[in-house]
Amino acid sequence: MSGTVKRSIHEGDAQAAAARPAVVREESARLMKLATRASVAVAGTLIVVKLGAWLLTDSVSILSSLLDSLMDVMASLVNLVAVHHALQPADREHRFGHGKAEPLAGLAQAAFITGSAVLLTIEAVSRLFHPQPVVYAEVGIGVMLFSIALTVGLVAFQRHVVRKTGSTAVGADALHYQTDVLVNASVIVSLGLSKWLGWHLADPLFGIAIAAYLVRSVWQIAARALDVLMDREFPDEDRARIRDIVLSHSRVKGMHDLRTRSSGIQPFVQLHLELDGDLLLREAHEIADEVEAMIMEAFPGAEVIIHQDPEGLVEEQPDFA
């Protein structure tokens, strides 16, 4: 095969690889925007129905769920703005894009959840010393069942979006709404115990338990956000997969200094490629382009930076596994 034909095929592969990330990013952006709008709509609907239920029942458990939904809508609005900003293309001042807006939104969510847990604990402790019977418990139970059904549907959609995009902000939102399902279920139990068994302390005790569970979810959300902000490496299995892909190329002699990180939905992969030191610059460049296309095929949307080194070159490198 002539050199001209080989270059033509190579250039076609490179162009196709370059086009795929744009398509992936466009679909990811559409799903993320849809997920954030759905989250705001669901939280707003639940605030209205839970407010009505609390006014009727005067239940601290329903109040806890209402406070959680108020935090939800604020957190979801923050997510909406953050995702919109994170999806903006790179510019002169932000050459790596705006993806870090997502984990910042995750930290904001953690703060909102902590605030709702504190308010709930204060109200629940007060009711422990001044217990009150719950009225219209049937209404409260009906509202909680409606809330569970709506929230389960939202979480299922959010999980689908996270699988497709890897979005930190949507993932944090999904985790938050997962806790809402358990919160609403526990409210149903507390209302039943108070209404039909006369255990009036069940209402505030369940409120305190819910607050503790909310604090636990804060840690999960904050830890995930901090991993992205601190440029945590890909999981070991993904790094091993990249290494296997690179070394599968017949003309690659080795690799070193693999570095990976994520910024929002944008993965970054950087490595040093070891090649035959007698290769022409054009040949080395073509091999690097082929390896880049292989990595982008396995990690759609990734930005890959490859430095070419002659085989056997000794460099000072950190001793990382």
C-alpha atoms as a PDB file:
ATOM      1  CA  MET A   1       0.000   0.000   0.000  1.00  0.00           C
ATOM      2  CA  SER A   2       1.414   3.382  -0.955  1.00  0.00           C
ATOM      3  CA  GLY A   3       2.352   5.998   1.656  1.00  0.00           C
ATOM      4  CA  THR A   4      -0.289   8.371   0.257  1.00  0.00           C
ATOM      5  CA  VAL A   5      -3.057   5.784   0.646  1.00  0.00           C
ATOM      6  CA  LYS A   6      -1.862   4.864   4.133  1.00  0.00           C
ATOM      7  CA  ARG A   7      -1.881   8.502   5.206  1.00  0.00           C
ATOM      8  CA  SER A   8      -5.371   8.928   3.737  1.00  0.00           C
ATOM      9  CA  ILE A   9      -6.710   5.976   5.732  1.00  0.00           C
ATOM     10  CA  HIS A  10      -4.934   7.177   8.865  1.00  0.00           C
ATOM     11  CA  GLU A  11      -6.320  10.688   8.478  1.00  0.00           C
ATOM     12  CA  GLY A  12      -9.823   9.272   7.977  1.00  0.00           C
ATOM     13  CA  ASP A  13      -9.531   7.280  11.223  1.00  0.00           C
ATOM     14  CA  ALA A  14      -8.259  10.334  13.082  1.00  0.00           C
ATOM     15  CA  GLN A  15     -11.096  12.492  11.758  1.00  0.00           C
ATOM     16  CA  ALA A  16     -13.664   9.881  12.782  1.00  0.00           C
ATOM     17  CA  ALA A  17     -12.114   9.637  16.247  1.00  0.00           C
ATOM     18  CA  ALA A  18     -12.151  13.411  16.562  1.00  0.00           C
ATOM     19  CA  ALA A  19     -15.816  13.590  15.538  1.00  0.00           C
ATOM     20  CA  ARG A  20     -16.991  10.991  18.078  1.00  0.00           C
ATOM     21  CA  PRO A  21     -16.221  13.059  21.182  1.00  0.00           C
ATOM     22  CA  ALA A  22     -18.278  15.971  19.830  1.00  0.00           C
ATOM     23  CA  VAL A  23     -21.281  13.682  19.317  1.00  0.00           C
ATOM     24  CA  VAL A  24     -20.829  12.158  22.776  1.00  0.00           C
ATOM     25  CA  ARG A  25     -20.569  15.580  24.412  1.00  0.00           C
ATOM     26  CA  GLU A  26     -23.689  16.822  22.604  1.00  0.00           C
ATOM     27  CA  GLU A  27     -25.761  13.834  23.746  1.00  0.00           C
ATOM     28  CA  SER A  28     -24.355  14.079  27.280  1.00  0.00           C
ATOM     29  CA  ALA A  29     -25.216  17.776  27.428  1.00  0.00           C
ATOM     30  CA  ARG A  30     -28.794  17.082  26.320  1.00  0.00           C
ATOM     31  CA  LEU A  31     -29.291  14.367  28.946  1.00  0.00           C
ATOM     32  CA  MET A  32     -27.729  16.424  31.736  1.00  0.00           C
ATOM     33  CA  LYS A  33     -29.885  19.465  30.991  1.00  0.00           C
ATOM     34  CA  LEU A  34     -32.993  17.276  30.898  1.00  0.00           C
ATOM     35  CA  ALA A  35     -32.060  15.623  34.209  1.00  0.00           C
ATOM     36  CA  THR A  36     -31.551  18.956  36.007  1.00  0.00           C
ATOM     37  CA  ARG A  37     -34.862  20.345  34.722  1.00  0.00           C
ATOM     38  CA  ALA A  38     -36.712  17.183  35.760  1.00  0.00           C
ATOM     39  CA  SER A  39     -35.148  17.452  39.221  1.00  0.00           C
ATOM     40  CA  VAL A  40     -36.372  21.037  39.711  1.00  0.00           C
ATOM     41  CA  ALA A  41     -39.864  20.118  38.480  1.00  0.00           C
ATOM     42  CA  VAL A  42     -40.157  17.110  40.814  1.00  0.00           C
ATOM     43  CA  ALA A  43     -38.851  19.022  43.860  1.00  0.00           C
ATOM     44  CA  GLY A  44     -41.265  21.900  43.200  1.00  0.00           C
ATOM     45  CA  THR A  45     -44.241  19.534  42.917  1.00  0.00           C
ATOM     46  CA  LEU A  46     -43.330  17.721  46.137  1.00  0.00           C
ATOM     47  CA  ILE A  47     -42.984  20.982  48.074  1.00  0.00           C
ATOM     48  CA  VAL A  48     -46.585  21.900  47.224  1.00  0.00           C
ATOM     49  CA  VAL A  49     -48.108  18.553  48.226  1.00  0.00           C
ATOM     50  CA  LYS A  50     -45.965  18.124  51.361  1.00  0.00           C
ATOM     51  CA  LEU A  51     -46.749  21.646  52.551  1.00  0.00           C
ATOM     52  CA  GLY A  52     -50.451  20.846  52.351  1.00  0.00           C
ATOM     53  CA  ALA A  53     -49.922  17.553  54.195  1.00  0.00           C
ATOM     54  CA  TRP A  54     -47.900  19.203  56.985  1.00  0.00           C
ATOM     55  CA  LEU A  55     -50.497  21.942  57.504  1.00  0.00           C
ATOM     56  CA  LEU A  56     -53.158  19.237  57.900  1.00  0.00           C
ATOM     57  CA  THR A  57     -51.240  16.770  60.080  1.00  0.00           C
ATOM     58  CA  ASP A  58     -48.747  18.943  62.015  1.00  0.00           C
ATOM     59  CA  SER A  59     -46.393  15.950  61.821  1.00  0.00           C
ATOM     60  CA  VAL A  60     -42.687  16.545  62.469  1.00  0.00           C
ATOM     61  CA  SER A  61     -41.886  13.607  60.176  1.00  0.00           C
ATOM     62  CA  ILE A  62     -43.743  15.253  57.299  1.00  0.00           C
ATOM     63  CA  LEU A  63     -42.066  18.542  58.234  1.00  0.00           C
ATOM     64  CA  SER A  64     -38.716  16.742  57.917  1.00  0.00           C
ATOM     65  CA  SER A  65     -39.671  15.563  54.441  1.00  0.00           C
ATOM     66  CA  LEU A  66     -40.896  19.052  53.509  1.00  0.00           C
ATOM     67  CA  LEU A  67     -37.622  20.628  54.675  1.00  0.00           C
ATOM     68  CA  ASP A  68     -35.733  18.055  52.654  1.00  0.00           C
ATOM     69  CA  SER A  69     -37.757  18.941  49.551  1.00  0.00           C
ATOM     70  CA  LEU A  70     -37.089  22.655  50.129  1.00  0.00           C
ATOM     71  CA  MET A  71     -33.369  21.842  50.223  1.00  0.00           C
ATOM     72  CA  ASP A  72     -33.876  19.670  47.141  1.00  0.00           C
ATOM     73  CA  VAL A  73     -35.300  22.474  45.053  1.00  0.00           C
ATOM     74  CA  MET A  74     -32.506  24.848  46.069  1.00  0.00           C
ATOM     75  CA  ALA A  75     -29.868  22.215  45.375  1.00  0.00           C
ATOM     76  CA  SER A  76     -31.503  21.346  42.057  1.00  0.00           C
ATOM     77  CA  LEU A  77     -31.523  25.009  41.024  1.00  0.00           C
ATOM     78  CA  VAL A  78     -27.822  25.214  41.878  1.00  0.00           C
ATOM     79  CA  ASN A  79     -27.309  22.072  39.779  1.00  0.00           C
ATOM     80  CA  LEU A  80     -29.234  23.591  36.890  1.00  0.00           C
ATOM     81  CA  VAL A  81     -26.964  26.643  36.847  1.00  0.00           C
ATOM     82  CA  ALA A  82     -23.790  24.624  37.465  1.00  0.00           C
ATOM     83  CA  VAL A  83     -24.478  22.104  34.702  1.00  0.00           C
ATOM     84  CA  HIS A  84     -25.279  24.915  32.267  1.00  0.00           C
ATOM     85  CA  HIS A  85     -21.945  26.545  33.140  1.00  0.00           C
ATOM     86  CA  ALA A  86     -20.009  23.251  33.107  1.00  0.00           C
ATOM     87  CA  LEU A  87     -21.211  22.464  29.580  1.00  0.00           C
ATOM     88  CA  GLN A  88     -19.864  25.720  28.161  1.00  0.00           C
ATOM     89  CA  PRO A  89     -16.936  25.121  25.779  1.00  0.00           C
ATOM     90  CA  ALA A  90     -13.382  25.998  26.741  1.00  0.00           C
ATOM     91  CA  ASP A  91     -12.465  29.646  26.323  1.00  0.00           C
ATOM     92  CA  ARG A  92      -9.355  31.800  26.599  1.00  0.00           C
ATOM     93  CA  GLU A  93      -9.542  32.031  30.394  1.00  0.00           C
ATOM     94  CA  HIS A  94     -10.580  28.376  30.924  1.00  0.00           C
ATOM     95  CA  ARG A  95      -8.604  26.295  28.437  1.00  0.00           C
ATOM     96  CA  PHE A  96      -9.587  23.021  30.123  1.00  0.00           C
ATOM     97  CA  GLY A  97     -13.291  23.882  30.057  1.00  0.00           C
ATOM     98  CA  HIS A  98     -15.694  24.622  32.912  1.00  0.00           C
ATOM     99  CA  GLY A  99     -16.319  21.084  34.188  1.00  0.00           C
ATOM    100  CA  LYS A 100     -15.235  21.862  37.762  1.00  0.00           C
ATOM    101  CA  ALA A 101     -18.530  23.742  38.188  1.00  0.00           C
ATOM    102  CA  GLU A 102     -20.170  20.326  38.649  1.00  0.00           C
ATOM    103  CA  PRO A 103     -18.309  19.208  41.797  1.00  0.00           C
ATOM    104  CA  LEU A 104     -18.704  22.719  43.204  1.00  0.00           C
ATOM    105  CA  ALA A 105     -22.460  22.222  42.838  1.00  0.00           C
ATOM    106  CA  GLY A 106     -22.066  18.886  44.636  1.00  0.00           C
ATOM    107  CA  LEU A 107     -20.443  20.645  47.595  1.00  0.00           C
ATOM    108  CA  ALA A 108     -23.274  23.193  47.600  1.00  0.00           C
ATOM    109  CA  GLN A 109     -25.739  20.291  47.753  1.00  0.00           C
ATOM    110  CA  ALA A 110     -23.877  18.859  50.723  1.00  0.00           C
ATOM    111  CA  ALA A 111     -24.207  22.209  52.506  1.00  0.00           C
ATOM    112  CA  PHE A 112     -27.946  22.369  51.773  1.00  0.00           C
ATOM    113  CA  ILE A 113     -28.505  18.846  53.105  1.00  0.00           C
ATOM    114  CA  THR A 114     -26.526  19.615  56.264  1.00  0.00           C
ATOM    115  CA  GLY A 115     -28.689  22.684  56.886  1.00  0.00           C
ATOM    116  CA  SER A 116     -31.917  20.719  56.534  1.00  0.00           C
ATOM    117  CA  ALA A 117     -30.589  18.027  58.917  1.00  0.00           C
ATOM    118  CA  VAL A 118     -29.779  20.633  61.582  1.00  0.00           C
ATOM    119  CA  LEU A 119     -33.213  22.293  61.319  1.00  0.00           C
ATOM    120  CA  LEU A 120     -34.935  18.928  61.462  1.00  0.00           C
ATOM    121  CA  THR A 121     -32.994  17.833  64.544  1.00  0.00           C
ATOM    122  CA  ILE A 122     -33.909  21.029  66.413  1.00  0.00           C
ATOM    123  CA  GLU A 123     -37.630  20.548  65.689  1.00  0.00           C
ATOM    124  CA  ALA A 124     -37.558  16.816  66.499  1.00  0.00           C
ATOM    125  CA  VAL A 125     -35.805  17.319  69.858  1.00  0.00           C
ATOM    126  CA  SER A 126     -38.411  19.933  70.772  1.00  0.00           C
ATOM    127  CA  ARG A 127     -41.198  17.433  70.017  1.00  0.00           C
ATOM    128  CA  LEU A 128     -39.503  14.791  72.185  1.00  0.00           C
ATOM    129  CA  PHE A 129     -40.150  17.000  75.209  1.00  0.00           C
ATOM    130  CA  HIS A 130     -43.563  18.129  73.985  1.00  0.00           C
ATOM    131  CA  PRO A 131     -45.057  15.162  72.051  1.00  0.00           C
ATOM    132  CA  GLN A 132     -48.206  15.788  70.040  1.00  0.00           C
ATOM    133  CA  PRO A 133     -50.631  13.358  68.372  1.00  0.00           C
ATOM    134  CA  VAL A 134     -50.657  13.270  64.591  1.00  0.00           C
ATOM    135  CA  VAL A 135     -53.991  14.118  62.919  1.00  0.00           C
ATOM    136  CA  TYR A 136     -55.097  13.287  59.365  1.00  0.00           C
ATOM    137  CA  ALA A 137     -52.395  10.616  59.195  1.00  0.00           C
ATOM    138  CA  GLU A 138     -54.126   9.025  56.189  1.00  0.00           C
ATOM    139  CA  VAL A 139     -53.586  12.208  54.182  1.00  0.00           C
ATOM    140  CA  GLY A 140     -49.911  12.264  55.145  1.00  0.00           C
ATOM    141  CA  ILE A 141     -49.453   8.617  54.173  1.00  0.00           C
ATOM    142  CA  GLY A 142     -51.102   9.220  50.799  1.00  0.00           C
ATOM    143  CA  VAL A 143     -48.827  12.187  50.115  1.00  0.00           C
ATOM    144  CA  MET A 144     -45.746  10.159  51.056  1.00  0.00           C
ATOM    145  CA  LEU A 145     -46.767   7.315  48.718  1.00  0.00           C
ATOM    146  CA  PHE A 146     -47.170   9.865  45.897  1.00  0.00           C
ATOM    147  CA  SER A 147     -43.762  11.323  46.766  1.00  0.00           C
ATOM    148  CA  ILE A 148     -42.110   7.906  46.672  1.00  0.00           C
ATOM    149  CA  ALA A 149     -43.566   7.079  43.249  1.00  0.00           C
ATOM    150  CA  LEU A 150     -42.467  10.418  41.759  1.00  0.00           C
ATOM    151  CA  THR A 151     -38.995  10.237  43.321  1.00  0.00           C
ATOM    152  CA  VAL A 152     -38.361   6.654  42.208  1.00  0.00           C
ATOM    153  CA  GLY A 153     -39.128   7.686  38.622  1.00  0.00           C
ATOM    154  CA  LEU A 154     -36.740  10.635  38.856  1.00  0.00           C
ATOM    155  CA  VAL A 155     -33.914   8.565  40.386  1.00  0.00           C
ATOM    156  CA  ALA A 156     -34.264   5.912  37.663  1.00  0.00           C
ATOM    157  CA  PHE A 157     -33.870   8.597  34.990  1.00  0.00           C
ATOM    158  CA  GLN A 158     -30.950  10.245  36.832  1.00  0.00           C
ATOM    159  CA  ARG A 159     -29.125   6.906  37.102  1.00  0.00           C
ATOM    160  CA  HIS A 160     -29.555   6.433  33.362  1.00  0.00           C
ATOM    161  CA  VAL A 161     -28.042   9.884  32.765  1.00  0.00           C
ATOM    162  CA  VAL A 162     -25.119   9.167  35.114  1.00  0.00           C
ATOM    163  CA  ARG A 163     -24.377   5.883  33.303  1.00  0.00           C
ATOM    164  CA  LYS A 164     -24.338   7.733  29.985  1.00  0.00           C
ATOM    165  CA  THR A 165     -22.451  10.879  31.073  1.00  0.00           C
ATOM    166  CA  GLY A 166     -20.612  10.219  34.339  1.00  0.00           C
ATOM    167  CA  SER A 167     -21.910  13.586  35.585  1.00  0.00           C
ATOM    168  CA  THR A 168     -20.836  14.398  39.167  1.00  0.00           C
ATOM    169  CA  ALA A 169     -23.636  16.925  39.692  1.00  0.00           C
ATOM    170  CA  VAL A 170     -26.402  14.617  38.437  1.00  0.00           C
ATOM    171  CA  GLY A 171     -24.869  11.746  40.427  1.00  0.00           C
ATOM    172  CA  ALA A 172     -24.966  13.832  43.616  1.00  0.00           C
ATOM    173  CA  ASP A 173     -28.556  14.792  42.884  1.00  0.00           C
ATOM    174  CA  ALA A 174     -29.500  11.145  42.315  1.00  0.00           C
ATOM    175  CA  LEU A 175     -27.891  10.123  45.602  1.00  0.00           C
ATOM    176  CA  HIS A 176     -29.806  12.864  47.380  1.00  0.00           C
ATOM    177  CA  TYR A 177     -33.133  11.760  45.909  1.00  0.00           C
ATOM    178  CA  GLN A 178     -32.368   8.119  46.740  1.00  0.00           C
ATOM    179  CA  THR A 179     -32.273   9.137  50.396  1.00  0.00           C
ATOM    180  CA  ASP A 180     -35.628  10.855  49.885  1.00  0.00           C
ATOM    181  CA  VAL A 181     -37.230   7.513  49.042  1.00  0.00           C
ATOM    182  CA  LEU A 182     -36.102   6.096  52.401  1.00  0.00           C
ATOM    183  CA  VAL A 183     -37.068   9.301  54.200  1.00  0.00           C
ATOM    184  CA  ASN A 184     -40.604   9.166  52.791  1.00  0.00           C
ATOM    185  CA  ALA A 185     -40.940   5.466  53.607  1.00  0.00           C
ATOM    186  CA  SER A 186     -39.863   6.099  57.214  1.00  0.00           C
ATOM    187  CA  VAL A 187     -42.392   8.934  57.472  1.00  0.00           C
ATOM    188  CA  ILE A 188     -45.154   6.481  56.535  1.00  0.00           C
ATOM    189  CA  VAL A 189     -44.022   4.123  59.317  1.00  0.00           C
ATOM    190  CA  SER A 190     -43.863   6.914  61.907  1.00  0.00           C
ATOM    191  CA  LEU A 191     -47.338   8.186  60.955  1.00  0.00           C
ATOM    192  CA  GLY A 192     -48.766   4.694  61.265  1.00  0.00           C
ATOM    193  CA  LEU A 193     -47.193   4.117  64.690  1.00  0.00           C
ATOM    194  CA  SER A 194     -48.446   7.458  65.969  1.00  0.00           C
ATOM    195  CA  LYS A 195     -51.957   7.173  64.519  1.00  0.00           C
ATOM    196  CA  TRP A 196     -52.911   3.558  65.144  1.00  0.00           C
ATOM    197  CA  LEU A 197     -50.677   2.494  68.060  1.00  0.00           C
ATOM    198  CA  GLY A 198     -50.555   5.798  69.922  1.00  0.00           C
ATOM    199  CA  TRP A 199     -46.746   5.924  69.900  1.00  0.00           C
ATOM    200  CA  HIS A 200     -46.507   9.707  69.667  1.00  0.00           C
ATOM    201  CA  LEU A 201     -42.758   9.697  70.307  1.00  0.00           C
ATOM    202  CA  ALA A 202     -42.273   7.703  67.075  1.00  0.00           C
ATOM    203  CA  ASP A 203     -42.804  10.887  65.040  1.00  0.00           C
ATOM    204  CA  PRO A 204     -39.887  12.933  66.501  1.00  0.00           C
ATOM    205  CA  LEU A 205     -37.656   9.859  66.877  1.00  0.00           C
ATOM    206  CA  PHE A 206     -38.030   9.047  63.198  1.00  0.00           C
ATOM    207  CA  GLY A 207     -37.305  12.708  62.458  1.00  0.00           C
ATOM    208  CA  ILE A 208     -33.967  12.462  64.294  1.00  0.00           C
ATOM    209  CA  ALA A 209     -33.113   9.191  62.516  1.00  0.00           C
ATOM    210  CA  ILE A 210     -33.839  10.809  59.171  1.00  0.00           C
ATOM    211  CA  ALA A 211     -31.555  13.739  60.053  1.00  0.00           C
ATOM    212  CA  ALA A 212     -28.736  11.288  60.849  1.00  0.00           C
ATOM    213  CA  TYR A 213     -29.265   9.543  57.516  1.00  0.00           C
ATOM    214  CA  LEU A 214     -29.125  12.876  55.691  1.00  0.00           C
ATOM    215  CA  VAL A 215     -25.755  13.648  57.297  1.00  0.00           C
ATOM    216  CA  ARG A 216     -24.449  10.285  56.074  1.00  0.00           C
ATOM    217  CA  SER A 217     -25.462  11.150  52.506  1.00  0.00           C
ATOM    218  CA  VAL A 218     -23.616  14.484  52.843  1.00  0.00           C
ATOM    219  CA  TRP A 219     -20.320  12.639  53.277  1.00  0.00           C
ATOM    220  CA  GLN A 220     -20.860  10.571  50.117  1.00  0.00           C
ATOM    221  CA  ILE A 221     -21.720  13.614  48.017  1.00  0.00           C
ATOM    222  CA  ALA A 222     -18.836  15.715  49.376  1.00  0.00           C
ATOM    223  CA  ALA A 223     -16.282  12.915  48.940  1.00  0.00           C
ATOM    224  CA  ARG A 224     -17.240  12.417  45.291  1.00  0.00           C
ATOM    225  CA  ALA A 225     -17.072  16.162  44.592  1.00  0.00           C
ATOM    226  CA  LEU A 226     -13.673  16.518  46.290  1.00  0.00           C
ATOM    227  CA  ASP A 227     -12.272  13.620  44.228  1.00  0.00           C
ATOM    228  CA  VAL A 228     -12.995  15.572  41.040  1.00  0.00           C
ATOM    229  CA  LEU A 229     -11.796  18.907  42.415  1.00  0.00           C
ATOM    230  CA  MET A 230      -8.529  17.292  43.579  1.00  0.00           C
ATOM    231  CA  ASP A 231      -7.970  15.602  40.181  1.00  0.00           C
ATOM    232  CA  ARG A 232      -8.205  12.058  41.521  1.00  0.00           C
ATOM    233  CA  GLU A 233      -6.878   9.430  39.115  1.00  0.00           C
ATOM    234  CA  PHE A 234      -9.186   7.075  37.197  1.00  0.00           C
ATOM    235  CA  PRO A 235      -9.947   3.754  38.951  1.00  0.00           C
ATOM    236  CA  ASP A 236      -7.138   1.183  38.707  1.00  0.00           C
ATOM    237  CA  GLU A 237      -9.097  -0.951  36.233  1.00  0.00           C
ATOM    238  CA  ASP A 238      -9.464   1.995  33.829  1.00  0.00           C
ATOM    239  CA  ARG A 239      -5.761   2.847  34.073  1.00  0.00           C
ATOM    240  CA  ALA A 240      -4.894  -0.808  33.390  1.00  0.00           C
ATOM    241  CA  ARG A 241      -7.246  -0.748  30.403  1.00  0.00           C
ATOM    242  CA  ILE A 242      -5.482   2.318  28.972  1.00  0.00           C
ATOM    243  CA  ARG A 243      -2.100   0.649  29.441  1.00  0.00           C
ATOM    244  CA  ASP A 244      -3.307  -2.517  27.665  1.00  0.00           C
ATOM    245  CA  ILE A 245      -4.676  -0.454  24.762  1.00  0.00           C
ATOM    246  CA  VAL A 246      -1.422   1.466  24.319  1.00  0.00           C
ATOM    247  CA  LEU A 247       0.813  -1.612  24.488  1.00  0.00           C
ATOM    248  CA  SER A 248      -1.407  -3.498  22.030  1.00  0.00           C
ATOM    249  CA  HIS A 249      -0.074  -1.331  19.189  1.00  0.00           C
ATOM    250  CA  SER A 250       2.557  -3.371  17.347  1.00  0.00           C
ATOM    251  CA  ARG A 251       5.056  -0.494  17.061  1.00  0.00           C
ATOM    252  CA  VAL A 252       4.838   0.756  20.632  1.00  0.00           C
ATOM    253  CA  LYS A 253       7.830  -0.317  22.744  1.00  0.00           C
ATOM    254  CA  GLY A 254       6.466   0.839  26.089  1.00  0.00           C
ATOM    255  CA  MET A 255       4.817   3.663  27.998  1.00  0.00           C
ATOM    256  CA  HIS A 256       5.245   5.577  31.249  1.00  0.00           C
ATOM    257  CA  ASP A 257       4.019   8.559  33.259  1.00  0.00           C
ATOM    258  CA  LEU A 258       0.306   7.844  32.727  1.00  0.00           C
ATOM    259  CA  ARG A 259      -1.824  10.590  34.283  1.00  0.00           C
ATOM    260  CA  THR A 260      -5.623  10.727  34.293  1.00  0.00           C
ATOM    261  CA  ARG A 261      -8.307  13.002  35.714  1.00  0.00           C
ATOM    262  CA  SER A 262     -11.844  14.202  35.036  1.00  0.00           C
ATOM    263  CA  SER A 263     -13.372  17.660  34.850  1.00  0.00           C
ATOM    264  CA  GLY A 264     -17.148  17.298  34.810  1.00  0.00           C
ATOM    265  CA  ILE A 265     -17.965  14.942  31.938  1.00  0.00           C
ATOM    266  CA  GLN A 266     -14.575  15.586  30.288  1.00  0.00           C
ATOM    267  CA  PRO A 267     -11.952  12.847  30.911  1.00  0.00           C
ATOM    268  CA  PHE A 268      -8.268  13.718  30.425  1.00  0.00           C
ATOM    269  CA  VAL A 269      -5.556  11.155  29.644  1.00  0.00           C
ATOM    270  CA  GLN A 270      -1.855  12.016  29.419  1.00  0.00           C
ATOM    271  CA  LEU A 271       1.061   9.637  28.861  1.00  0.00           C
ATOM    272  CA  HIS A 272       4.578   9.208  27.466  1.00  0.00           C
ATOM    273  CA  LEU A 273       4.847   6.801  24.531  1.00  0.00           C
ATOM    274  CA  GLU A 274       8.113   4.855  24.033  1.00  0.00           C
ATOM    275  CA  LEU A 275       9.017   4.307  20.369  1.00  0.00           C
ATOM    276  CA  ASP A 276      11.973   3.159  18.270  1.00  0.00           C
ATOM    277  CA  GLY A 277      14.506   5.989  18.475  1.00  0.00           C
ATOM    278  CA  ASP A 278      15.343   5.679  14.748  1.00  0.00           C
ATOM    279  CA  LEU A 279      11.814   6.456  13.541  1.00  0.00           C
ATOM    280  CA  LEU A 280      11.216   9.539  11.422  1.00  0.00           C
ATOM    281  CA  LEU A 281       9.247  12.295  13.154  1.00  0.00           C
ATOM    282  CA  ARG A 282       6.304  11.772  10.772  1.00  0.00           C
ATOM    283  CA  GLU A 283       6.186   8.043  11.566  1.00  0.00           C
ATOM    284  CA  ALA A 284       6.297   8.677  15.321  1.00  0.00           C
ATOM    285  CA  HIS A 285       3.524  11.238  14.962  1.00  0.00           C
ATOM    286  CA  GLU A 286       1.327   8.821  13.015  1.00  0.00           C
ATOM    287  CA  ILE A 287       1.803   6.073  15.627  1.00  0.00           C
ATOM    288  CA  ALA A 288       0.895   8.498  18.405  1.00  0.00           C
ATOM    289  CA  ASP A 289      -2.227   9.542  16.484  1.00  0.00           C
ATOM    290  CA  GLU A 290      -3.244   5.890  16.068  1.00  0.00           C
ATOM    291  CA  VAL A 291      -2.799   5.212  19.802  1.00  0.00           C
ATOM    292  CA  GLU A 292      -4.754   8.370  20.592  1.00  0.00           C
ATOM    293  CA  ALA A 293      -7.635   7.198  18.391  1.00  0.00           C
ATOM    294  CA  MET A 294      -7.626   3.784  20.130  1.00  0.00           C
ATOM    295  CA  ILE A 295      -7.871   5.392  23.572  1.00  0.00           C
ATOM    296  CA  MET A 296     -10.641   7.746  22.419  1.00  0.00           C
ATOM    297  CA  GLU A 297     -12.535   4.752  21.052  1.00  0.00           C
ATOM    298  CA  ALA A 298     -12.474   3.136  24.508  1.00  0.00           C
ATOM    299  CA  PHE A 299     -13.077   6.393  26.414  1.00  0.00           C
ATOM    300  CA  PRO A 300     -15.476   8.502  24.299  1.00  0.00           C
ATOM    301  CA  GLY A 301     -15.102  12.225  24.816  1.00  0.00           C
ATOM    302  CA  ALA A 302     -11.623  11.948  26.343  1.00  0.00           C
ATOM    303  CA  GLU A 303      -8.942  14.514  25.623  1.00  0.00           C
ATOM    304  CA  VAL A 304      -5.704  12.573  25.082  1.00  0.00           C
ATOM    305  CA  ILE A 305      -2.221  14.104  25.219  1.00  0.00           C
ATOM    306  CA  ILE A 306       0.704  11.895  24.156  1.00  0.00           C
ATOM    307  CA  HIS A 307       4.397  12.746  24.447  1.00  0.00           C
ATOM    308  CA  GLN A 308       6.742  10.664  22.290  1.00  0.00           C
ATOM    309  CA  ASP A 309      10.015   9.366  23.769  1.00  0.00           C
ATOM    310  CA  PRO A 310      12.755   7.226  22.203  1.00  0.00           C
ATOM    311  CA  GLU A 311      12.895   3.760  23.744  1.00  0.00           C
ATOM    312  CA  GLY A 312      15.396   3.455  26.569  1.00  0.00           C
ATOM    313  CA  LEU A 313      15.469   7.146  27.470  1.00  0.00           C
ATOM    314  CA  VAL A 314      16.013   7.458  31.222  1.00  0.00           C
ATOM    315  CA  GLU A 315      13.832  10.121  32.852  1.00  0.00           C
ATOM    316  CA  GLU A 316      13.222  11.230  36.413  1.00  0.00           C
ATOM    317  CA  GLN A 317       9.712   9.975  37.189  1.00  0.00           C
ATOM    318  CA  PRO A 318       7.636   9.781  40.394  1.00  0.00           C
ATOM    319  CA  ASP A 319       7.397   6.187  41.643  1.00  0.00           C
ATOM    320  CA  PHE A 320       3.621   5.792  41.288  1.00  0.00           C
ATOM    321  CA  ALA A 321       1.954   2.453  40.673  1.00  0.00           C
END
